[in-house]
Amino acid sequence: MTASLKPHVLRCWLLAAIAAAGLTFAVGKAPAQPSGPTYDCMFEKGQVNSFEEGQFAGAATALLKFSIGAIDLKRQTATLSTESGSGTLRIVRAISANHYLEVITEGFLNVTTIYEPSERGAPSPAVHSRHVGLLGQPMSAHYTGFCTPRAN
């Protein structure tokens, strides 16, 4: 990279690098005992956006992988697991989908929606969005991919 890159491009690359590393910014530990299915999620496509000089600029994201397990629909809780650690999720139920919300450091928000599969036994379509601030500027990332249920 050269010094001539604009700050918004550098911020986009930084957020993409964070996502590629599979980092989670969750505060606290997630429940240890699984009580439901586990989904292995992989998002191959996405866009990261950084706000600079009154407009958003975007760049492609890197591959993002994580698991959602210990799903307890009655208590509306689950666990997010990455190579870097785990965090607690809240669940919001919808028709034919569940939304998994993670409140990260300083109150920023990650949302993963897992939809019912189009065919029995097929991976479930999924969307993951990150809403953060970096160096005082809004940043977002939006991913599309699939989550596959795993036997516990």
N, C-alpha and C. Protein backbone atom coordinates (compact mmCIF):
# COMPACT_ATOMS: atom_id res chain seq x y z
N MET A 1 0.84 -1.17 0.00
CA MET A 1 0.00 0.00 0.00
C MET A 1 0.89 1.24 0.00
N THR A 2 0.42 2.26 -0.66
CA THR A 2 1.19 3.49 -0.70
C THR A 2 0.56 4.52 0.20
N ALA A 3 1.33 5.55 0.51
CA ALA A 3 0.84 6.61 1.38
C ALA A 3 -0.25 7.44 0.70
N SER A 4 -0.47 7.25 -0.60
CA SER A 4 -1.46 8.04 -1.32
C SER A 4 -2.88 7.51 -1.18
N LEU A 5 -3.07 6.37 -0.50
CA LEU A 5 -4.42 5.84 -0.32
C LEU A 5 -5.21 6.76 0.60
N LYS A 6 -6.47 6.98 0.27
CA LYS A 6 -7.33 7.83 1.07
C LYS A 6 -7.69 7.13 2.39
N PRO A 7 -7.95 7.92 3.45
CA PRO A 7 -8.28 7.31 4.74
C PRO A 7 -9.47 6.36 4.69
N HIS A 8 -10.52 6.66 3.90
CA HIS A 8 -11.68 5.77 3.86
C HIS A 8 -11.32 4.42 3.26
N VAL A 9 -10.40 4.39 2.32
CA VAL A 9 -9.97 3.11 1.73
C VAL A 9 -9.20 2.31 2.77
N LEU A 10 -8.36 2.99 3.53
CA LEU A 10 -7.61 2.30 4.58
C LEU A 10 -8.55 1.76 5.65
N ARG A 11 -9.57 2.53 6.01
CA ARG A 11 -10.54 2.06 7.01
C ARG A 11 -11.30 0.84 6.48
N CYS A 12 -11.69 0.86 5.21
CA CYS A 12 -12.38 -0.29 4.62
C CYS A 12 -11.50 -1.53 4.68
N TRP A 13 -10.25 -1.37 4.34
CA TRP A 13 -9.33 -2.50 4.38
C TRP A 13 -9.11 -2.98 5.80
N LEU A 14 -9.05 -2.07 6.76
CA LEU A 14 -8.88 -2.45 8.15
C LEU A 14 -10.06 -3.26 8.64
N LEU A 15 -11.29 -2.81 8.36
CA LEU A 15 -12.47 -3.57 8.78
C LEU A 15 -12.51 -4.92 8.07
N ALA A 16 -12.14 -4.96 6.81
CA ALA A 16 -12.11 -6.24 6.08
C ALA A 16 -11.08 -7.18 6.70
N ALA A 17 -9.94 -6.65 7.12
CA ALA A 17 -8.90 -7.47 7.76
C ALA A 17 -9.39 -8.01 9.10
N ILE A 18 -10.11 -7.18 9.86
CA ILE A 18 -10.67 -7.63 11.13
C ILE A 18 -11.64 -8.77 10.89
N ALA A 19 -12.51 -8.61 9.89
CA ALA A 19 -13.49 -9.66 9.57
C ALA A 19 -12.79 -10.92 9.12
N ALA A 20 -11.75 -10.79 8.31
CA ALA A 20 -11.04 -11.96 7.81
C ALA A 20 -10.37 -12.72 8.94
N ALA A 21 -9.94 -12.01 9.96
CA ALA A 21 -9.29 -12.66 11.09
C ALA A 21 -10.29 -13.40 11.97
N GLY A 22 -11.57 -13.17 11.72
CA GLY A 22 -12.59 -13.86 12.50
C GLY A 22 -12.67 -13.36 13.92
N LEU A 23 -12.33 -12.10 14.15
CA LEU A 23 -12.34 -11.56 15.49
C LEU A 23 -13.76 -11.28 15.95
N THR A 24 -14.01 -11.51 17.22
CA THR A 24 -15.26 -11.10 17.82
C THR A 24 -14.93 -10.11 18.92
N PHE A 25 -15.75 -9.11 19.06
CA PHE A 25 -15.50 -8.08 20.05
C PHE A 25 -16.47 -8.23 21.22
N ALA A 26 -16.99 -9.41 21.43
CA ALA A 26 -17.99 -9.63 22.46
C ALA A 26 -17.41 -9.39 23.84
N VAL A 27 -18.24 -8.88 24.70
CA VAL A 27 -17.85 -8.65 26.09
C VAL A 27 -18.42 -9.79 26.91
N GLY A 28 -17.60 -10.42 27.75
CA GLY A 28 -18.08 -11.48 28.63
C GLY A 28 -18.02 -12.84 27.96
N LYS A 29 -18.34 -13.85 28.74
CA LYS A 29 -18.30 -15.23 28.28
C LYS A 29 -19.70 -15.73 27.96
N ALA A 30 -19.78 -16.60 26.99
CA ALA A 30 -21.05 -17.19 26.60
C ALA A 30 -21.35 -18.40 27.49
N PRO A 31 -22.61 -18.83 27.56
CA PRO A 31 -22.95 -20.02 28.34
C PRO A 31 -22.17 -21.24 27.85
N ALA A 32 -21.75 -22.10 28.76
CA ALA A 32 -20.90 -23.23 28.42
C ALA A 32 -21.68 -24.43 27.91
N GLN A 33 -22.92 -24.62 28.31
CA GLN A 33 -23.64 -25.83 27.95
C GLN A 33 -24.59 -25.61 26.78
N PRO A 34 -24.34 -26.30 25.67
CA PRO A 34 -25.22 -26.17 24.52
C PRO A 34 -26.60 -26.74 24.82
N SER A 35 -27.65 -26.10 24.31
CA SER A 35 -29.00 -26.61 24.53
C SER A 35 -29.78 -26.72 23.23
N GLY A 36 -29.14 -26.55 22.09
CA GLY A 36 -29.82 -26.64 20.81
C GLY A 36 -28.84 -26.92 19.70
N PRO A 37 -29.28 -26.76 18.46
CA PRO A 37 -28.41 -27.05 17.32
C PRO A 37 -27.24 -26.06 17.23
N THR A 38 -26.26 -26.43 16.45
CA THR A 38 -25.15 -25.55 16.13
C THR A 38 -25.13 -25.33 14.63
N TYR A 39 -24.94 -24.09 14.21
CA TYR A 39 -24.80 -23.76 12.79
C TYR A 39 -23.38 -23.33 12.51
N ASP A 40 -22.79 -23.91 11.47
CA ASP A 40 -21.50 -23.45 10.96
C ASP A 40 -21.81 -22.52 9.79
N CYS A 41 -21.41 -21.25 9.94
CA CYS A 41 -21.76 -20.23 8.96
C CYS A 41 -20.53 -19.81 8.16
N MET A 42 -20.72 -19.65 6.85
CA MET A 42 -19.66 -19.20 5.97
C MET A 42 -20.23 -18.15 5.02
N PHE A 43 -19.56 -17.01 5.00
CA PHE A 43 -19.98 -15.89 4.16
C PHE A 43 -18.84 -15.59 3.19
N GLU A 44 -19.06 -15.92 1.93
CA GLU A 44 -18.01 -15.74 0.92
C GLU A 44 -18.07 -14.39 0.23
N LYS A 45 -19.22 -13.73 0.28
CA LYS A 45 -19.39 -12.45 -0.42
C LYS A 45 -19.78 -11.37 0.58
N GLY A 46 -19.31 -10.16 0.31
CA GLY A 46 -19.69 -9.07 1.18
C GLY A 46 -19.12 -7.74 0.73
N GLN A 47 -19.56 -6.70 1.43
CA GLN A 47 -19.14 -5.33 1.13
C GLN A 47 -18.91 -4.63 2.47
N VAL A 48 -17.79 -3.95 2.59
CA VAL A 48 -17.51 -3.14 3.77
C VAL A 48 -17.53 -1.68 3.34
N ASN A 49 -18.13 -0.83 4.16
CA ASN A 49 -18.27 0.59 3.82
C ASN A 49 -17.74 1.46 4.93
N SER A 50 -17.05 2.52 4.55
CA SER A 50 -16.50 3.49 5.48
C SER A 50 -17.00 4.87 5.10
N PHE A 51 -17.37 5.66 6.11
CA PHE A 51 -17.88 7.01 5.86
C PHE A 51 -16.73 8.01 6.01
N GLU A 52 -16.49 8.77 4.97
CA GLU A 52 -15.39 9.74 4.96
C GLU A 52 -15.75 10.89 4.05
N GLU A 53 -15.49 12.08 4.49
CA GLU A 53 -15.72 13.27 3.68
C GLU A 53 -17.16 13.34 3.14
N GLY A 54 -18.14 13.01 4.00
CA GLY A 54 -19.54 13.15 3.64
C GLY A 54 -20.14 12.07 2.79
N GLN A 55 -19.40 10.99 2.54
CA GLN A 55 -19.97 9.90 1.74
C GLN A 55 -19.37 8.56 2.14
N PHE A 56 -20.06 7.50 1.74
CA PHE A 56 -19.56 6.16 2.00
C PHE A 56 -18.74 5.66 0.82
N ALA A 57 -17.67 4.97 1.12
CA ALA A 57 -16.85 4.31 0.11
C ALA A 57 -16.77 2.84 0.50
N GLY A 58 -16.81 1.95 -0.49
CA GLY A 58 -16.86 0.53 -0.19
C GLY A 58 -15.74 -0.28 -0.79
N ALA A 59 -15.58 -1.48 -0.25
CA ALA A 59 -14.61 -2.45 -0.74
C ALA A 59 -15.16 -3.85 -0.46
N ALA A 60 -14.69 -4.82 -1.18
CA ALA A 60 -15.11 -6.21 -0.97
C ALA A 60 -14.53 -6.73 0.34
N THR A 61 -15.25 -7.66 0.96
CA THR A 61 -14.78 -8.28 2.20
C THR A 61 -14.07 -9.59 1.90
N ALA A 62 -13.37 -10.07 2.90
CA ALA A 62 -12.75 -11.38 2.83
C ALA A 62 -13.73 -12.42 3.39
N LEU A 63 -13.42 -13.68 3.22
CA LEU A 63 -14.22 -14.79 3.74
C LEU A 63 -14.41 -14.62 5.25
N LEU A 64 -15.63 -14.87 5.72
CA LEU A 64 -15.95 -14.79 7.14
C LEU A 64 -16.59 -16.10 7.56
N LYS A 65 -16.08 -16.70 8.66
CA LYS A 65 -16.63 -17.96 9.16
C LYS A 65 -16.79 -17.87 10.68
N PHE A 66 -17.91 -18.41 11.17
CA PHE A 66 -18.12 -18.54 12.61
C PHE A 66 -19.23 -19.56 12.83
N SER A 67 -19.45 -19.92 14.10
CA SER A 67 -20.51 -20.86 14.46
C SER A 67 -21.47 -20.20 15.44
N ILE A 68 -22.73 -20.60 15.34
CA ILE A 68 -23.75 -20.18 16.30
C ILE A 68 -24.30 -21.45 16.92
N GLY A 69 -24.18 -21.56 18.23
CA GLY A 69 -24.63 -22.76 18.93
C GLY A 69 -25.30 -22.42 20.25
N ALA A 70 -25.53 -23.45 21.06
CA ALA A 70 -26.22 -23.31 22.35
C ALA A 70 -27.50 -22.50 22.17
N ILE A 71 -28.21 -22.77 21.08
CA ILE A 71 -29.41 -22.00 20.74
C ILE A 71 -30.55 -22.42 21.67
N ASP A 72 -31.06 -21.47 22.41
CA ASP A 72 -32.18 -21.70 23.32
C ASP A 72 -33.29 -20.72 22.93
N LEU A 73 -34.23 -21.19 22.10
CA LEU A 73 -35.29 -20.33 21.60
C LEU A 73 -36.22 -19.85 22.71
N LYS A 74 -36.40 -20.65 23.75
CA LYS A 74 -37.26 -20.25 24.85
C LYS A 74 -36.65 -19.06 25.60
N ARG A 75 -35.36 -19.12 25.89
CA ARG A 75 -34.68 -18.03 26.60
C ARG A 75 -34.20 -16.94 25.65
N GLN A 76 -34.26 -17.20 24.36
CA GLN A 76 -33.81 -16.29 23.31
C GLN A 76 -32.33 -15.93 23.45
N THR A 77 -31.50 -16.98 23.65
CA THR A 77 -30.06 -16.79 23.75
C THR A 77 -29.35 -17.82 22.89
N ALA A 78 -28.12 -17.50 22.52
CA ALA A 78 -27.26 -18.40 21.75
C ALA A 78 -25.81 -17.97 21.99
N THR A 79 -24.89 -18.72 21.40
CA THR A 79 -23.47 -18.43 21.52
C THR A 79 -22.84 -18.29 20.14
N LEU A 80 -22.04 -17.25 19.96
CA LEU A 80 -21.25 -17.06 18.75
C LEU A 80 -19.84 -17.54 19.04
N SER A 81 -19.28 -18.39 18.18
CA SER A 81 -17.92 -18.90 18.37
C SER A 81 -17.07 -18.63 17.13
N THR A 82 -15.88 -18.10 17.37
CA THR A 82 -14.89 -17.89 16.32
C THR A 82 -13.58 -18.50 16.80
N GLU A 83 -12.56 -18.45 15.96
CA GLU A 83 -11.25 -18.92 16.38
C GLU A 83 -10.69 -18.07 17.51
N SER A 84 -11.20 -16.84 17.66
CA SER A 84 -10.70 -15.91 18.67
C SER A 84 -11.43 -15.98 20.00
N GLY A 85 -12.55 -16.67 20.06
CA GLY A 85 -13.31 -16.73 21.30
C GLY A 85 -14.79 -16.85 21.06
N SER A 86 -15.57 -16.56 22.11
CA SER A 86 -17.01 -16.69 21.98
C SER A 86 -17.71 -15.53 22.66
N GLY A 87 -18.97 -15.34 22.32
CA GLY A 87 -19.77 -14.28 22.89
C GLY A 87 -21.23 -14.69 22.95
N THR A 88 -21.99 -13.94 23.71
CA THR A 88 -23.40 -14.22 23.90
C THR A 88 -24.23 -13.47 22.87
N LEU A 89 -25.23 -14.16 22.33
CA LEU A 89 -26.15 -13.58 21.36
C LEU A 89 -27.56 -13.57 21.93
N ARG A 90 -28.36 -12.62 21.49
CA ARG A 90 -29.79 -12.58 21.76
C ARG A 90 -30.50 -13.00 20.47
N ILE A 91 -31.66 -13.62 20.61
CA ILE A 91 -32.40 -14.10 19.45
C ILE A 91 -33.71 -13.33 19.31
N VAL A 92 -34.00 -12.92 18.10
CA VAL A 92 -35.30 -12.36 17.75
C VAL A 92 -35.88 -13.29 16.69
N ARG A 93 -37.05 -13.85 16.97
CA ARG A 93 -37.66 -14.81 16.05
C ARG A 93 -38.51 -14.09 15.01
N ALA A 94 -38.51 -14.63 13.81
CA ALA A 94 -39.31 -14.10 12.71
C ALA A 94 -39.95 -15.28 11.99
N ILE A 95 -40.85 -14.99 11.08
CA ILE A 95 -41.45 -16.04 10.28
C ILE A 95 -40.38 -16.57 9.33
N SER A 96 -40.08 -17.84 9.41
CA SER A 96 -39.11 -18.53 8.55
C SER A 96 -37.67 -18.07 8.73
N ALA A 97 -37.35 -17.44 9.87
CA ALA A 97 -35.98 -16.99 10.10
C ALA A 97 -35.78 -16.68 11.58
N ASN A 98 -34.52 -16.68 12.00
CA ASN A 98 -34.15 -16.21 13.33
C ASN A 98 -33.03 -15.19 13.17
N HIS A 99 -33.12 -14.10 13.95
CA HIS A 99 -32.08 -13.07 13.95
C HIS A 99 -31.27 -13.24 15.23
N TYR A 100 -29.94 -13.25 15.09
CA TYR A 100 -29.03 -13.39 16.21
C TYR A 100 -28.30 -12.06 16.38
N LEU A 101 -28.50 -11.40 17.52
CA LEU A 101 -27.94 -10.07 17.76
C LEU A 101 -26.79 -10.14 18.75
N GLU A 102 -25.71 -9.46 18.40
CA GLU A 102 -24.54 -9.37 19.28
C GLU A 102 -24.25 -7.90 19.51
N VAL A 103 -24.27 -7.50 20.77
CA VAL A 103 -23.87 -6.15 21.12
C VAL A 103 -22.38 -6.23 21.45
N ILE A 104 -21.58 -5.51 20.66
CA ILE A 104 -20.13 -5.60 20.82
C ILE A 104 -19.60 -4.39 21.57
N THR A 105 -18.30 -4.32 21.71
CA THR A 105 -17.62 -3.26 22.44
C THR A 105 -18.20 -1.90 22.10
N GLU A 106 -18.42 -1.11 23.13
CA GLU A 106 -18.91 0.26 23.02
C GLU A 106 -20.30 0.35 22.39
N GLY A 107 -21.09 -0.74 22.46
CA GLY A 107 -22.48 -0.69 22.04
C GLY A 107 -22.74 -0.88 20.56
N PHE A 108 -21.74 -1.21 19.77
CA PHE A 108 -21.98 -1.44 18.36
C PHE A 108 -22.68 -2.79 18.19
N LEU A 109 -23.23 -3.03 16.99
CA LEU A 109 -24.14 -4.14 16.79
C LEU A 109 -23.77 -5.01 15.59
N ASN A 110 -23.84 -6.32 15.78
CA ASN A 110 -23.74 -7.30 14.71
C ASN A 110 -25.05 -8.07 14.67
N VAL A 111 -25.56 -8.33 13.48
CA VAL A 111 -26.81 -9.07 13.31
C VAL A 111 -26.59 -10.17 12.28
N THR A 112 -26.95 -11.39 12.64
CA THR A 112 -26.92 -12.51 11.71
C THR A 112 -28.34 -13.05 11.59
N THR A 113 -28.85 -13.17 10.37
CA THR A 113 -30.16 -13.76 10.14
C THR A 113 -29.97 -15.08 9.40
N ILE A 114 -30.53 -16.14 9.99
CA ILE A 114 -30.49 -17.46 9.35
C ILE A 114 -31.92 -17.79 8.93
N TYR A 115 -32.12 -17.99 7.63
CA TYR A 115 -33.43 -18.29 7.06
C TYR A 115 -33.62 -19.80 6.95
N GLU A 116 -34.87 -20.22 6.85
CA GLU A 116 -35.14 -21.63 6.61
C GLU A 116 -34.60 -22.00 5.24
N PRO A 117 -34.05 -23.21 5.11
CA PRO A 117 -33.53 -23.63 3.80
C PRO A 117 -34.64 -23.79 2.77
N SER A 118 -34.29 -23.61 1.52
CA SER A 118 -35.28 -23.75 0.44
C SER A 118 -35.66 -25.21 0.23
N GLU A 119 -34.75 -26.13 0.56
CA GLU A 119 -35.02 -27.56 0.45
C GLU A 119 -34.59 -28.25 1.72
N ARG A 120 -35.31 -29.27 2.11
CA ARG A 120 -34.96 -30.02 3.31
C ARG A 120 -33.54 -30.56 3.19
N GLY A 121 -32.73 -30.34 4.21
CA GLY A 121 -31.35 -30.82 4.23
C GLY A 121 -30.35 -29.89 3.56
N ALA A 122 -30.83 -28.85 2.91
CA ALA A 122 -29.92 -27.89 2.26
C ALA A 122 -29.40 -26.88 3.29
N PRO A 123 -28.24 -26.26 3.03
CA PRO A 123 -27.77 -25.19 3.92
C PRO A 123 -28.79 -24.05 3.95
N SER A 124 -28.84 -23.35 5.06
CA SER A 124 -29.76 -22.23 5.22
C SER A 124 -29.13 -20.95 4.70
N PRO A 125 -29.83 -20.19 3.85
CA PRO A 125 -29.31 -18.89 3.43
C PRO A 125 -29.17 -18.00 4.66
N ALA A 126 -28.15 -17.15 4.66
CA ALA A 126 -27.91 -16.30 5.82
C ALA A 126 -27.32 -14.95 5.39
N VAL A 127 -27.56 -13.96 6.24
CA VAL A 127 -27.05 -12.61 6.03
C VAL A 127 -26.41 -12.16 7.35
N HIS A 128 -25.27 -11.51 7.27
CA HIS A 128 -24.58 -10.99 8.47
C HIS A 128 -24.24 -9.52 8.22
N SER A 129 -24.58 -8.67 9.18
CA SER A 129 -24.29 -7.23 9.07
C SER A 129 -23.59 -6.75 10.32
N ARG A 130 -22.63 -5.86 10.12
CA ARG A 130 -21.89 -5.26 11.22
C ARG A 130 -22.07 -3.75 11.15
N HIS A 131 -22.38 -3.16 12.29
CA HIS A 131 -22.59 -1.72 12.39
C HIS A 131 -21.66 -1.22 13.49
N VAL A 132 -20.55 -0.61 13.10
CA VAL A 132 -19.53 -0.19 14.05
C VAL A 132 -19.07 1.23 13.77
N GLY A 133 -18.21 1.72 14.62
CA GLY A 133 -17.53 2.98 14.40
C GLY A 133 -16.05 2.73 14.58
N LEU A 134 -15.25 3.33 13.73
CA LEU A 134 -13.80 3.15 13.81
C LEU A 134 -13.15 4.52 13.66
N LEU A 135 -12.38 4.89 14.65
CA LEU A 135 -11.73 6.20 14.65
C LEU A 135 -12.75 7.33 14.50
N GLY A 136 -13.91 7.16 15.16
CA GLY A 136 -14.94 8.18 15.14
C GLY A 136 -15.80 8.23 13.89
N GLN A 137 -15.64 7.29 12.98
CA GLN A 137 -16.40 7.31 11.72
C GLN A 137 -17.27 6.06 11.61
N PRO A 138 -18.49 6.20 11.05
CA PRO A 138 -19.35 5.04 10.83
C PRO A 138 -18.72 4.05 9.84
N MET A 139 -18.84 2.79 10.18
CA MET A 139 -18.40 1.72 9.27
C MET A 139 -19.44 0.62 9.33
N SER A 140 -19.67 -0.02 8.21
CA SER A 140 -20.60 -1.14 8.17
C SER A 140 -20.05 -2.21 7.24
N ALA A 141 -20.52 -3.41 7.46
CA ALA A 141 -20.18 -4.52 6.58
C ALA A 141 -21.43 -5.37 6.41
N HIS A 142 -21.62 -5.90 5.23
CA HIS A 142 -22.78 -6.71 4.92
C HIS A 142 -22.31 -7.94 4.15
N TYR A 143 -22.65 -9.12 4.65
CA TYR A 143 -22.20 -10.38 4.07
C TYR A 143 -23.40 -11.23 3.68
N THR A 144 -23.25 -12.06 2.67
CA THR A 144 -24.24 -13.08 2.32
C THR A 144 -23.55 -14.42 2.25
N GLY A 145 -24.27 -15.45 2.68
CA GLY A 145 -23.69 -16.79 2.66
C GLY A 145 -24.69 -17.83 3.15
N PHE A 146 -24.16 -18.87 3.79
CA PHE A 146 -24.99 -19.98 4.23
C PHE A 146 -24.55 -20.47 5.60
N CYS A 147 -25.51 -21.00 6.36
CA CYS A 147 -25.25 -21.65 7.64
C CYS A 147 -25.75 -23.09 7.54
N THR A 148 -24.90 -24.01 7.95
CA THR A 148 -25.22 -25.42 7.85
C THR A 148 -25.36 -26.01 9.26
N PRO A 149 -26.49 -26.68 9.57
CA PRO A 149 -26.64 -27.26 10.89
C PRO A 149 -25.66 -28.41 11.10
N ARG A 150 -25.14 -28.49 12.30
CA ARG A 150 -24.19 -29.53 12.68
C ARG A 150 -24.79 -30.34 13.82
N ALA A 151 -24.63 -31.64 13.79
CA ALA A 151 -25.10 -32.47 14.89
C ALA A 151 -24.21 -32.24 16.10
N ASN A 152 -24.82 -32.02 17.27
CA ASN A 152 -24.05 -31.78 18.50
C ASN A 152 -23.65 -33.06 19.16
